[in-house]
PDB file of N, CA and C in Angstrom:
ATOM      1  N   MET A   1      50.877 -53.045 -81.613  1.00  0.00           N
ATOM      2  CA  MET A   1      51.085 -52.988 -80.175  1.00  0.00           C
ATOM      3  C   MET A   1      51.493 -51.592 -79.779  1.00  0.00           C
ATOM      4  N   ASP A   2      51.120 -51.230 -78.558  1.00  0.00           N
ATOM      5  CA  ASP A   2      51.539 -49.927 -78.084  1.00  0.00           C
ATOM      6  C   ASP A   2      52.863 -50.037 -77.330  1.00  0.00           C
ATOM      7  N   ALA A   3      53.275 -48.965 -76.676  1.00  0.00           N
ATOM      8  CA  ALA A   3      54.587 -48.917 -76.037  1.00  0.00           C
ATOM      9  C   ALA A   3      54.776 -49.940 -74.929  1.00  0.00           C
ATOM     10  N   VAL A   4      53.691 -50.385 -74.286  1.00  0.00           N
ATOM     11  CA  VAL A   4      53.839 -51.352 -73.201  1.00  0.00           C
ATOM     12  C   VAL A   4      53.606 -52.785 -73.654  1.00  0.00           C
ATOM     13  N   GLY A   5      53.409 -53.002 -74.911  1.00  0.00           N
ATOM     14  CA  GLY A   5      53.279 -54.365 -75.424  1.00  0.00           C
ATOM     15  C   GLY A   5      51.871 -54.922 -75.394  1.00  0.00           C
ATOM     16  N   ILE A   6      50.858 -54.068 -75.267  1.00  0.00           N
ATOM     17  CA  ILE A   6      49.470 -54.543 -75.269  1.00  0.00           C
ATOM     18  C   ILE A   6      48.884 -54.238 -76.649  1.00  0.00           C
ATOM     19  N   ALA A   7      48.345 -55.250 -77.245  1.00  0.00           N
ATOM     20  CA  ALA A   7      47.758 -55.074 -78.574  1.00  0.00           C
ATOM     21  C   ALA A   7      46.448 -54.321 -78.446  1.00  0.00           C
ATOM     22  N   GLU A   8      46.314 -53.281 -79.236  1.00  0.00           N
ATOM     23  CA  GLU A   8      45.068 -52.511 -79.246  1.00  0.00           C
ATOM     24  C   GLU A   8      44.195 -53.029 -80.371  1.00  0.00           C
ATOM     25  N   THR A   9      42.975 -53.288 -80.055  1.00  0.00           N
ATOM     26  CA  THR A   9      42.032 -53.713 -81.087  1.00  0.00           C
ATOM     27  C   THR A   9      40.811 -52.816 -81.022  1.00  0.00           C
ATOM     28  N   ALA A  10      40.355 -52.415 -82.160  1.00  0.00           N
ATOM     29  CA  ALA A  10      39.154 -51.586 -82.227  1.00  0.00           C
ATOM     30  C   ALA A  10      37.942 -52.487 -82.128  1.00  0.00           C
ATOM     31  N   PRO A  11      36.892 -52.006 -81.504  1.00  0.00           N
ATOM     32  CA  PRO A  11      35.670 -52.835 -81.448  1.00  0.00           C
ATOM     33  C   PRO A  11      35.160 -53.068 -82.865  1.00  0.00           C
ATOM     34  N   PRO A  12      34.597 -54.239 -83.107  1.00  0.00           N
ATOM     35  CA  PRO A  12      34.094 -54.527 -84.463  1.00  0.00           C
ATOM     36  C   PRO A  12      32.969 -53.567 -84.835  1.00  0.00           C
ATOM     37  N   GLN A  13      32.969 -53.106 -86.063  1.00  0.00           N
ATOM     38  CA  GLN A  13      31.921 -52.212 -86.557  1.00  0.00           C
ATOM     39  C   GLN A  13      30.709 -53.058 -86.918  1.00  0.00           C
ATOM     40  N   ARG A  14      29.578 -52.728 -86.356  1.00  0.00           N
ATOM     41  CA  ARG A  14      28.346 -53.453 -86.665  1.00  0.00           C
ATOM     42  C   ARG A  14      27.430 -52.521 -87.424  1.00  0.00           C
ATOM     43  N   LYS A  15      26.800 -53.051 -88.437  1.00  0.00           N
ATOM     44  CA  LYS A  15      25.785 -52.278 -89.146  1.00  0.00           C
ATOM     45  C   LYS A  15      24.457 -52.660 -88.520  1.00  0.00           C
ATOM     46  N   CYS A  16      23.839 -51.702 -87.898  1.00  0.00           N
ATOM     47  CA  CYS A  16      22.527 -51.968 -87.330  1.00  0.00           C
ATOM     48  C   CYS A  16      21.579 -50.887 -87.817  1.00  0.00           C
ATOM     49  N   MET A  17      20.319 -51.217 -87.779  1.00  0.00           N
ATOM     50  CA  MET A  17      19.309 -50.294 -88.263  1.00  0.00           C
ATOM     51  C   MET A  17      18.358 -49.982 -87.125  1.00  0.00           C
ATOM     52  N   ILE A  18      18.155 -48.727 -86.866  1.00  0.00           N
ATOM     53  CA  ILE A  18      17.191 -48.309 -85.866  1.00  0.00           C
ATOM     54  C   ILE A  18      15.801 -48.628 -86.419  1.00  0.00           C
ATOM     55  N   SER A  19      14.878 -48.993 -85.551  1.00  0.00           N
ATOM     56  CA  SER A  19      13.561 -49.452 -86.006  1.00  0.00           C
ATOM     57  C   SER A  19      12.857 -48.473 -86.920  1.00  0.00           C
ATOM     58  N   ASN A  20      13.036 -47.170 -86.723  1.00  0.00           N
ATOM     59  CA  ASN A  20      12.361 -46.209 -87.585  1.00  0.00           C
ATOM     60  C   ASN A  20      13.272 -45.727 -88.717  1.00  0.00           C
ATOM     61  N   ASP A  21      14.380 -46.395 -88.940  1.00  0.00           N
ATOM     62  CA  ASP A  21      15.343 -46.019 -89.965  1.00  0.00           C
ATOM     63  C   ASP A  21      15.398 -47.102 -91.036  1.00  0.00           C
ATOM     64  N   ARG A  22      14.250 -47.407 -91.593  1.00  0.00           N
ATOM     65  CA  ARG A  22      14.172 -48.446 -92.620  1.00  0.00           C
ATOM     66  C   ARG A  22      14.344 -47.817 -94.000  1.00  0.00           C
ATOM     67  N   PRO A  23      14.917 -48.566 -94.909  1.00  0.00           N
ATOM     68  CA  PRO A  23      15.029 -48.011 -96.266  1.00  0.00           C
ATOM     69  C   PRO A  23      13.645 -47.831 -96.880  1.00  0.00           C
ATOM     70  N   SER A  24      13.474 -46.744 -97.572  1.00  0.00           N
ATOM     71  CA  SER A  24      12.189 -46.444 -98.186  1.00  0.00           C
ATOM     72  C   SER A  24      12.028 -47.223 -99.475  1.00  0.00           C
ATOM     73  N   PRO A  25      10.838 -47.775 -99.728  1.00  0.00           N
ATOM     74  CA  PRO A  25      10.598 -48.440-101.013  1.00  0.00           C
ATOM     75  C   PRO A  25      10.532 -47.434-102.161  1.00  0.00           C
ATOM     76  N   HIS A  26      10.492 -46.142-101.825  1.00  0.00           N
ATOM     77  CA  HIS A  26      10.397 -45.094-102.840  1.00  0.00           C
ATOM     78  C   HIS A  26      11.746 -44.459-103.134  1.00  0.00           C
ATOM     79  N   GLY A  27      12.822 -45.059-102.642  1.00  0.00           N
ATOM     80  CA  GLY A  27      14.146 -44.493-102.870  1.00  0.00           C
ATOM     81  C   GLY A  27      14.486 -43.492-101.781  1.00  0.00           C
ATOM     82  N   HIS A  28      15.685 -42.967-101.822  1.00  0.00           N
ATOM     83  CA  HIS A  28      16.144 -42.037-100.790  1.00  0.00           C
ATOM     84  C   HIS A  28      15.728 -40.614-101.125  1.00  0.00           C
ATOM     85  N   ARG A  29      15.006 -39.997-100.204  1.00  0.00           N
ATOM     86  CA  ARG A  29      14.668 -38.578-100.320  1.00  0.00           C
ATOM     87  C   ARG A  29      15.087 -37.920 -99.017  1.00  0.00           C
ATOM     88  N   PRO A  30      15.854 -36.875 -99.088  1.00  0.00           N
ATOM     89  CA  PRO A  30      16.220 -36.177 -97.850  1.00  0.00           C
ATOM     90  C   PRO A  30      14.966 -35.701 -97.117  1.00  0.00           C
ATOM     91  N   TYR A  31      15.086 -35.620 -95.800  1.00  0.00           N
ATOM     92  CA  TYR A  31      13.974 -35.179 -94.964  1.00  0.00           C
ATOM     93  C   TYR A  31      13.486 -33.811 -95.421  1.00  0.00           C
ATOM     94  N   GLY A  32      12.193 -33.674 -95.541  1.00  0.00           N
ATOM     95  CA  GLY A  32      11.624 -32.393 -95.912  1.00  0.00           C
ATOM     96  C   GLY A  32      11.447 -32.191 -97.403  1.00  0.00           C
ATOM     97  N   THR A  33      11.968 -33.116 -98.203  1.00  0.00           N
ATOM     98  CA  THR A  33      11.805 -32.992 -99.652  1.00  0.00           C
ATOM     99  C   THR A  33      10.384 -33.414-100.013  1.00  0.00           C
ATOM    100  N   PRO A  34       9.654 -32.593-100.751  1.00  0.00           N
ATOM    101  CA  PRO A  34       8.279 -32.964-101.093  1.00  0.00           C
ATOM    102  C   PRO A  34       8.245 -34.165-102.021  1.00  0.00           C
ATOM    103  N   LYS A  35       7.161 -34.915-101.902  1.00  0.00           N
ATOM    104  CA  LYS A  35       6.945 -36.063-102.782  1.00  0.00           C
ATOM    105  C   LYS A  35       6.667 -35.553-104.190  1.00  0.00           C
ATOM    106  N   PRO A  36       7.009 -36.356-105.183  1.00  0.00           N
ATOM    107  CA  PRO A  36       6.689 -35.922-106.547  1.00  0.00           C
ATOM    108  C   PRO A  36       5.176 -35.841-106.715  1.00  0.00           C
ATOM    109  N   PRO A  37       4.684 -34.906-107.521  1.00  0.00           N
ATOM    110  CA  PRO A  37       3.236 -34.764-107.677  1.00  0.00           C
ATOM    111  C   PRO A  37       2.615 -35.995-108.337  1.00  0.00           C
ATOM    112  N   VAL A  38       1.413 -36.305-107.887  1.00  0.00           N
ATOM    113  CA  VAL A  38       0.655 -37.426-108.452  1.00  0.00           C
ATOM    114  C   VAL A  38      -0.448 -36.826-109.310  1.00  0.00           C
ATOM    115  N   ASN A  39      -0.615 -37.363-110.492  1.00  0.00           N
ATOM    116  CA  ASN A  39      -1.684 -36.887-111.367  1.00  0.00           C
ATOM    117  C   ASN A  39      -3.029 -37.212-110.750  1.00  0.00           C
ATOM    118  N   GLU A  40      -3.795 -36.187-110.393  1.00  0.00           N
ATOM    119  CA  GLU A  40      -5.126 -36.360-109.832  1.00  0.00           C
ATOM    120  C   GLU A  40      -6.130 -35.637-110.703  1.00  0.00           C
ATOM    121  N   GLU A  41      -7.221 -36.324-110.961  1.00  0.00           N
ATOM    122  CA  GLU A  41      -8.301 -35.709-111.731  1.00  0.00           C
ATOM    123  C   GLU A  41      -9.459 -35.434-110.782  1.00  0.00           C
ATOM    124  N   THR A  42      -9.964 -34.211-110.787  1.00  0.00           N
ATOM    125  CA  THR A  42     -11.117 -33.854-109.968  1.00  0.00           C
ATOM    126  C   THR A  42     -12.379 -34.230-110.725  1.00  0.00           C
ATOM    127  N   LEU A  43     -13.202 -35.089-110.102  1.00  0.00           N
ATOM    128  CA  LEU A  43     -14.435 -35.550-110.733  1.00  0.00           C
ATOM    129  C   LEU A  43     -15.635 -34.698-110.311  1.00  0.00           C
ATOM    130  N   LYS A  44     -15.638 -34.275-109.036  1.00  0.00           N
ATOM    131  CA  LYS A  44     -16.736 -33.443-108.535  1.00  0.00           C
ATOM    132  C   LYS A  44     -16.251 -32.763-107.269  1.00  0.00           C
ATOM    133  N   THR A  45     -16.693 -31.535-107.082  1.00  0.00           N
ATOM    134  CA  THR A  45     -16.351 -30.817-105.849  1.00  0.00           C
ATOM    135  C   THR A  45     -17.529 -29.965-105.414  1.00  0.00           C
ATOM    136  N   ASP A  46     -17.688 -29.831-104.106  1.00  0.00           N
ATOM    137  CA  ASP A  46     -18.750 -28.992-103.553  1.00  0.00           C
ATOM    138  C   ASP A  46     -18.314 -28.541-102.166  1.00  0.00           C
ATOM    139  N   LYS A  47     -18.917 -27.467-101.692  1.00  0.00           N
ATOM    140  CA  LYS A  47     -18.559 -27.004-100.355  1.00  0.00           C
ATOM    141  C   LYS A  47     -19.792 -26.573 -99.598  1.00  0.00           C
ATOM    142  N   VAL A  48     -19.654 -26.596 -98.265  1.00  0.00           N
ATOM    143  CA  VAL A  48     -20.736 -26.202 -97.383  1.00  0.00           C
ATOM    144  C   VAL A  48     -20.139 -25.376 -96.248  1.00  0.00           C
ATOM    145  N   GLN A  49     -20.845 -24.289 -95.893  1.00  0.00           N
ATOM    146  CA  GLN A  49     -20.436 -23.424 -94.785  1.00  0.00           C
ATOM    147  C   GLN A  49     -21.302 -23.798 -93.588  1.00  0.00           C
ATOM    148  N   ILE A  50     -20.680 -24.200 -92.480  1.00  0.00           N
ATOM    149  CA  ILE A  50     -21.399 -24.541 -91.253  1.00  0.00           C
ATOM    150  C   ILE A  50     -20.773 -23.729 -90.130  1.00  0.00           C
ATOM    151  N   GLU A  51     -21.554 -22.786 -89.616  1.00  0.00           N
ATOM    152  CA  GLU A  51     -21.066 -21.839 -88.613  1.00  0.00           C
ATOM    153  C   GLU A  51     -19.813 -21.157 -89.147  1.00  0.00           C
ATOM    154  N   ARG A  52     -18.674 -21.256 -88.454  1.00  0.00           N
ATOM    155  CA  ARG A  52     -17.469 -20.566 -88.927  1.00  0.00           C
ATOM    156  C   ARG A  52     -16.538 -21.484 -89.715  1.00  0.00           C
ATOM    157  N   LYS A  53     -17.013 -22.667 -90.057  1.00  0.00           N
ATOM    158  CA  LYS A  53     -16.198 -23.642 -90.774  1.00  0.00           C
ATOM    159  C   LYS A  53     -16.690 -23.821 -92.202  1.00  0.00           C
ATOM    160  N   THR A  54     -15.752 -24.004 -93.103  1.00  0.00           N
ATOM    161  CA  THR A  54     -16.071 -24.341 -94.487  1.00  0.00           C
ATOM    162  C   THR A  54     -15.550 -25.738 -94.745  1.00  0.00           C
ATOM    163  N   PHE A  55     -16.417 -26.600 -95.251  1.00  0.00           N
ATOM    164  CA  PHE A  55     -16.024 -27.951 -95.610  1.00  0.00           C
ATOM    165  C   PHE A  55     -16.061 -28.075 -97.131  1.00  0.00           C
ATOM    166  N   VAL A  56     -14.961 -28.545 -97.698  1.00  0.00           N
ATOM    167  CA  VAL A  56     -14.892 -28.773 -99.134  1.00  0.00           C
ATOM    168  C   VAL A  56     -14.758 -30.277 -99.345  1.00  0.00           C
ATOM    169  N   LEU A  57     -15.710 -30.842-100.104  1.00  0.00           N
ATOM    170  CA  LEU A  57     -15.672 -32.263-100.441  1.00  0.00           C
ATOM    171  C   LEU A  57     -15.324 -32.382-101.912  1.00  0.00           C
ATOM    172  N   THR A  58     -14.264 -33.120-102.204  1.00  0.00           N
ATOM    173  CA  THR A  58     -13.793 -33.260-103.578  1.00  0.00           C
ATOM    174  C   THR A  58     -13.597 -34.729-103.896  1.00  0.00           C
ATOM    175  N   LEU A  59     -14.320 -35.213-104.908  1.00  0.00           N
ATOM    176  CA  LEU A  59     -14.140 -36.581-105.389  1.00  0.00           C
ATOM    177  C   LEU A  59     -13.046 -36.534-106.448  1.00  0.00           C
ATOM    178  N   LYS A  60     -11.999 -37.317-106.215  1.00  0.00           N
ATOM    179  CA  LYS A  60     -10.844 -37.297-107.111  1.00  0.00           C
ATOM    180  C   LYS A  60     -10.496 -38.710-107.541  1.00  0.00           C
ATOM    181  N   GLU A  61      -9.638 -38.768-108.566  1.00  0.00           N
ATOM    182  CA  GLU A  61      -9.147 -40.063-109.046  1.00  0.00           C
ATOM    183  C   GLU A  61      -7.677 -39.897-109.424  1.00  0.00           C
ATOM    184  N   ASN A  62      -6.873 -40.885-109.065  1.00  0.00           N
ATOM    185  CA  ASN A  62      -5.479 -40.918-109.480  1.00  0.00           C
ATOM    186  C   ASN A  62      -5.148 -42.349-109.903  1.00  0.00           C
ATOM    187  N   PRO A  63      -3.921 -42.639-110.290  1.00  0.00           N
ATOM    188  CA  PRO A  63      -3.602 -43.993-110.751  1.00  0.00           C
ATOM    189  C   PRO A  63      -3.883 -45.094-109.725  1.00  0.00           C
ATOM    190  N   ARG A  64      -3.962 -44.737-108.444  1.00  0.00           N
ATOM    191  CA  ARG A  64      -4.254 -45.755-107.423  1.00  0.00           C
ATOM    192  C   ARG A  64      -5.739 -45.929-107.169  1.00  0.00           C
ATOM    193  N   GLY A  65      -6.597 -45.071-107.713  1.00  0.00           N
ATOM    194  CA  GLY A  65      -8.037 -45.223-107.542  1.00  0.00           C
ATOM    195  C   GLY A  65      -8.735 -43.920-107.208  1.00  0.00           C
ATOM    196  N   ARG A  66     -10.021 -44.060-106.861  1.00  0.00           N
ATOM    197  CA  ARG A  66     -10.843 -42.898-106.505  1.00  0.00           C
ATOM    198  C   ARG A  66     -10.852 -42.704-105.003  1.00  0.00           C
ATOM    199  N   PHE A  67     -11.058 -41.438-104.606  1.00  0.00           N
ATOM    200  CA  PHE A  67     -11.106 -41.129-103.181  1.00  0.00           C
ATOM    201  C   PHE A  67     -11.848 -39.818-102.979  1.00  0.00           C
ATOM    202  N   LEU A  68     -12.349 -39.647-101.762  1.00  0.00           N
ATOM    203  CA  LEU A  68     -13.017 -38.412-101.372  1.00  0.00           C
ATOM    204  C   LEU A  68     -12.089 -37.666-100.433  1.00  0.00           C
ATOM    205  N   ARG A  69     -11.764 -36.436-100.778  1.00  0.00           N
ATOM    206  CA  ARG A  69     -10.947 -35.583 -99.916  1.00  0.00           C
ATOM    207  C   ARG A  69     -11.894 -34.607 -99.230  1.00  0.00           C
ATOM    208  N   ILE A  70     -11.870 -34.607 -97.897  1.00  0.00           N
ATOM    209  CA  ILE A  70     -12.700 -33.699 -97.109  1.00  0.00           C
ATOM    210  C   ILE A  70     -11.761 -32.726 -96.414  1.00  0.00           C
ATOM    211  N   THR A  71     -11.906 -31.450 -96.752  1.00  0.00           N
ATOM    212  CA  THR A  71     -11.044 -30.420 -96.183  1.00  0.00           C
ATOM    213  C   THR A  71     -11.874 -29.471 -95.337  1.00  0.00           C
ATOM    214  N   GLU A  72     -11.423 -29.258 -94.111  1.00  0.00           N
ATOM    215  CA  GLU A  72     -12.063 -28.311 -93.198  1.00  0.00           C
ATOM    216  C   GLU A  72     -11.185 -27.071 -93.152  1.00  0.00           C
ATOM    217  N   ASP A  73     -11.769 -25.920 -93.415  1.00  0.00           N
ATOM    218  CA  ASP A  73     -11.033 -24.656 -93.380  1.00  0.00           C
ATOM    219  C   ASP A  73     -11.639 -23.781 -92.293  1.00  0.00           C
ATOM    220  N   VAL A  74     -10.828 -23.455 -91.297  1.00  0.00           N
ATOM    221  CA  VAL A  74     -11.272 -22.590 -90.212  1.00  0.00           C
ATOM    222  C   VAL A  74     -10.285 -21.430 -90.134  1.00  0.00           C
ATOM    223  N   GLY A  75     -10.691 -20.279 -90.610  1.00  0.00           N
ATOM    224  CA  GLY A  75      -9.842 -19.100 -90.543  1.00  0.00           C
ATOM    225  C   GLY A  75      -8.482 -19.283 -91.202  1.00  0.00           C
ATOM    226  N   GLY A  76      -8.432 -19.988 -92.311  1.00  0.00           N
ATOM    227  CA  GLY A  76      -7.172 -20.184 -93.025  1.00  0.00           C
ATOM    228  C   GLY A  76      -6.398 -21.421 -92.613  1.00  0.00           C
ATOM    229  N   ARG A  77      -6.749 -22.047 -91.507  1.00  0.00           N
ATOM    230  CA  ARG A  77      -6.105 -23.294 -91.098  1.00  0.00           C
ATOM    231  C   ARG A  77      -6.879 -24.454 -91.693  1.00  0.00           C
ATOM    232  N   ARG A  78      -6.188 -25.349 -92.371  1.00  0.00           N
ATOM    233  CA  ARG A  78      -6.864 -26.445 -93.059  1.00  0.00           C
ATOM    234  C   ARG A  78      -6.462 -27.797 -92.495  1.00  0.00           C
ATOM    235  N   ASP A  79      -7.454 -28.656 -92.375  1.00  0.00           N
ATOM    236  CA  ASP A  79      -7.238 -30.057 -92.017  1.00  0.00           C
ATOM    237  C   ASP A  79      -7.952 -30.893 -93.068  1.00  0.00           C
ATOM    238  N   THR A  80      -7.328 -31.991 -93.453  1.00  0.00           N
ATOM    239  CA  THR A  80      -7.883 -32.816 -94.528  1.00  0.00           C
ATOM    240  C   THR A  80      -7.873 -34.281 -94.134  1.00  0.00           C
ATOM    241  N   ILE A  81      -8.938 -34.975 -94.515  1.00  0.00           N
ATOM    242  CA  ILE A  81      -8.952 -36.438 -94.433  1.00  0.00           C
ATOM    243  C   ILE A  81      -9.267 -36.962 -95.822  1.00  0.00           C
ATOM    244  N   ILE A  82      -8.822 -38.174 -96.083  1.00  0.00           N
ATOM    245  CA  ILE A  82      -9.072 -38.808 -97.377  1.00  0.00           C
ATOM    246  C   ILE A  82      -9.730 -40.145 -97.116  1.00  0.00           C
ATOM    247  N   VAL A  83     -10.856 -40.383 -97.799  1.00  0.00           N
ATOM    248  CA  VAL A  83     -11.593 -41.636 -97.672  1.00  0.00           C
ATOM    249  C   VAL A  83     -11.528 -42.342 -99.024  1.00  0.00           C
ATOM    250  N   PRO A  84     -10.908 -43.524 -99.089  1.00  0.00           N
ATOM    251  CA  PRO A  84     -10.899 -44.267-100.354  1.00  0.00           C
ATOM    252  C   PRO A  84     -12.328 -44.583-100.789  1.00  0.00           C
ATOM    253  N   SER A  85     -12.565 -44.605-102.085  1.00  0.00           N
ATOM    254  CA  SER A  85     -13.923 -44.839-102.591  1.00  0.00           C
ATOM    255  C   SER A  85     -14.477 -46.185-102.129  1.00  0.00           C
ATOM    256  N   THR A  86     -13.595 -47.142-101.855  1.00  0.00           N
ATOM    257  CA  THR A  86     -14.059 -48.450-101.379  1.00  0.00           C
ATOM    258  C   THR A  86     -14.701 -48.359-100.002  1.00  0.00           C
ATOM    259  N   GLY A  87     -14.474 -47.257 -99.276  1.00  0.00           N
ATOM    260  CA  GLY A  87     -15.046 -47.105 -97.949  1.00  0.00           C
ATOM    261  C   GLY A  87     -16.153 -46.082 -97.865  1.00  0.00           C
ATOM    262  N   LEU A  88     -16.551 -45.506 -99.003  1.00  0.00           N
ATOM    263  CA  LEU A  88     -17.565 -44.443 -98.965  1.00  0.00           C
ATOM    264  C   LEU A  88     -18.919 -44.932 -98.462  1.00  0.00           C
ATOM    265  N   GLU A  89     -19.338 -46.116 -98.843  1.00  0.00           N
ATOM    266  CA  GLU A  89     -20.637 -46.638 -98.372  1.00  0.00           C
ATOM    267  C   GLU A  89     -20.616 -46.814 -96.854  1.00  0.00           C
ATOM    268  N   ASP A  90     -19.530 -47.384 -96.304  1.00  0.00           N
ATOM    269  CA  ASP A  90     -19.416 -47.548 -94.852  1.00  0.00           C
ATOM    270  C   ASP A  90     -19.359 -46.193 -94.161  1.00  0.00           C
ATOM    271  N   PHE A  91     -18.638 -45.234 -94.762  1.00  0.00           N
ATOM    272  CA  PHE A  91     -18.526 -43.885 -94.208  1.00  0.00           C
ATOM    273  C   PHE A  91     -19.901 -43.226 -94.162  1.00  0.00           C
ATOM    274  N   LYS A  92     -20.673 -43.359 -95.246  1.00  0.00           N
ATOM    275  CA  LYS A  92     -22.023 -42.784 -95.317  1.00  0.00           C
ATOM    276  C   LYS A  92     -22.938 -43.429 -94.284  1.00  0.00           C
ATOM    277  N   LYS A  93     -22.849 -44.734 -94.164  1.00  0.00           N
ATOM    278  CA  LYS A  93     -23.679 -45.457 -93.206  1.00  0.00           C
ATOM    279  C   LYS A  93     -23.398 -44.969 -91.782  1.00  0.00           C
ATOM    280  N   LEU A  94     -22.122 -44.830 -91.449  1.00  0.00           N
ATOM    281  CA  LEU A  94     -21.752 -44.355 -90.122  1.00  0.00           C
ATOM    282  C   LEU A  94     -22.196 -42.912 -89.911  1.00  0.00           C
ATOM    283  N   LEU A  95     -22.042 -42.073 -90.923  1.00  0.00           N
ATOM    284  CA  LEU A  95     -22.483 -40.683 -90.828  1.00  0.00           C
ATOM    285  C   LEU A  95     -23.999 -40.607 -90.628  1.00  0.00           C
ATOM    286  N   ASP A  96     -24.745 -41.435 -91.366  1.00  0.00           N
ATOM    287  CA  ASP A  96     -26.206 -41.477 -91.188  1.00  0.00           C
ATOM    288  C   ASP A  96     -26.575 -41.883 -89.762  1.00  0.00           C
ATOM    289  N   GLU A  97     -25.837 -42.842 -89.191  1.00  0.00           N
ATOM    290  CA  GLU A  97     -26.095 -43.269 -87.814  1.00  0.00           C
ATOM    291  C   GLU A  97     -25.809 -42.142 -86.829  1.00  0.00           C
ATOM    292  N   MET A  98     -24.766 -41.356 -87.090  1.00  0.00           N
ATOM    293  CA  MET A  98     -24.433 -40.235 -86.214  1.00  0.00           C
ATOM    294  C   MET A  98     -25.493 -39.140 -86.290  1.00  0.00           C
ATOM    295  N   VAL A  99     -26.020 -38.871 -87.482  1.00  0.00           N
ATOM    296  CA  VAL A  99     -27.090 -37.883 -87.650  1.00  0.00           C
ATOM    297  C   VAL A  99     -28.328 -38.349 -86.891  1.00  0.00           C
ATOM    298  N   LYS A 100     -28.666 -39.623 -87.022  1.00  0.00           N
ATOM    299  CA  LYS A 100     -29.830 -40.173 -86.327  1.00  0.00           C
ATOM    300  C   LYS A 100     -29.652 -40.060 -84.812  1.00  0.00           C
ATOM    301  N   ALA A 101     -28.467 -40.415 -84.314  1.00  0.00           N
ATOM    302  CA  ALA A 101     -28.202 -40.335 -82.868  1.00  0.00           C
ATOM    303  C   ALA A 101     -28.266 -38.891 -82.390  1.00  0.00           C
ATOM    304  N   SER A 102     -27.747 -37.964 -83.178  1.00  0.00           N
ATOM    305  CA  SER A 102     -27.769 -36.547 -82.803  1.00  0.00           C
ATOM    306  C   SER A 102     -29.196 -36.034 -82.687  1.00  0.00           C
ATOM    307  N   ASN A 103     -30.074 -36.530 -83.551  1.00  0.00           N
ATOM    308  CA  ASN A 103     -31.479 -36.113 -83.512  1.00  0.00           C
ATOM    309  C   ASN A 103     -32.267 -36.783 -82.381  1.00  0.00           C
ATOM    310  N   GLU A 104     -31.870 -37.995 -81.983  1.00  0.00           N
ATOM    311  CA  GLU A 104     -32.609 -38.750 -80.989  1.00  0.00           C
ATOM    312  C   GLU A 104     -32.143 -38.522 -79.557  1.00  0.00           C
ATOM    313  N   ILE A 105     -30.848 -38.292 -79.364  1.00  0.00           N
ATOM    314  CA  ILE A 105     -30.308 -38.136 -78.013  1.00  0.00           C
ATOM    315  C   ILE A 105     -30.521 -36.684 -77.564  1.00  0.00           C
ATOM    316  N   PRO A 106     -31.177 -36.495 -76.398  1.00  0.00           N
ATOM    317  CA  PRO A 106     -31.421 -35.125 -75.926  1.00  0.00           C
ATOM    318  C   PRO A 106     -30.102 -34.395 -75.669  1.00  0.00           C
ATOM    319  N   SER A 107     -30.083 -33.106 -75.987  1.00  0.00           N
ATOM    320  CA  SER A 107     -28.904 -32.280 -75.770  1.00  0.00           C
ATOM    321  C   SER A 107     -28.749 -31.953 -74.281  1.00  0.00           C
ATOM    322  N   LYS A 108     -27.505 -31.968 -73.788  1.00  0.00           N
ATOM    323  CA  LYS A 108     -27.244 -31.619 -72.415  1.00  0.00           C
ATOM    324  C   LYS A 108     -27.116 -30.117 -72.235  1.00  0.00           C
ATOM    325  N   ASN A 109     -26.900 -29.419 -73.363  1.00  0.00           N
ATOM    326  CA  ASN A 109     -26.813 -27.950 -73.334  1.00  0.00           C
ATOM    327  C   ASN A 109     -28.079 -27.371 -73.949  1.00  0.00           C
ATOM    328  N   PRO A 110     -28.920 -26.680 -73.129  1.00  0.00           N
ATOM    329  CA  PRO A 110     -30.193 -26.160 -73.663  1.00  0.00           C
ATOM    330  C   PRO A 110     -30.012 -25.085 -74.691  1.00  0.00           C
TER     331      PRO A 110
END
């Protein structure tokens, strides 16, 4: 009790978790700490220069499976996408459809 006879009580401490503050299944790593390296084997790699862009396609394999890494390099800036090998046939099919559409649809810029 304080000097006037009123009991002071602290609010109960609640443990709550913010929606984006979930425990990681990979253990605790401080923000910015790089992930441990994964053993990757390069099976095949090739590159193509298109205008001012260089595309590097690399077929790789790691303990989780095979995948195609496509890296675009424009003046030293790199962007990469990864396509799991299970999706390569669908990816190729869609790419073939885009090539066909590009050849069939008239260009708006002469």
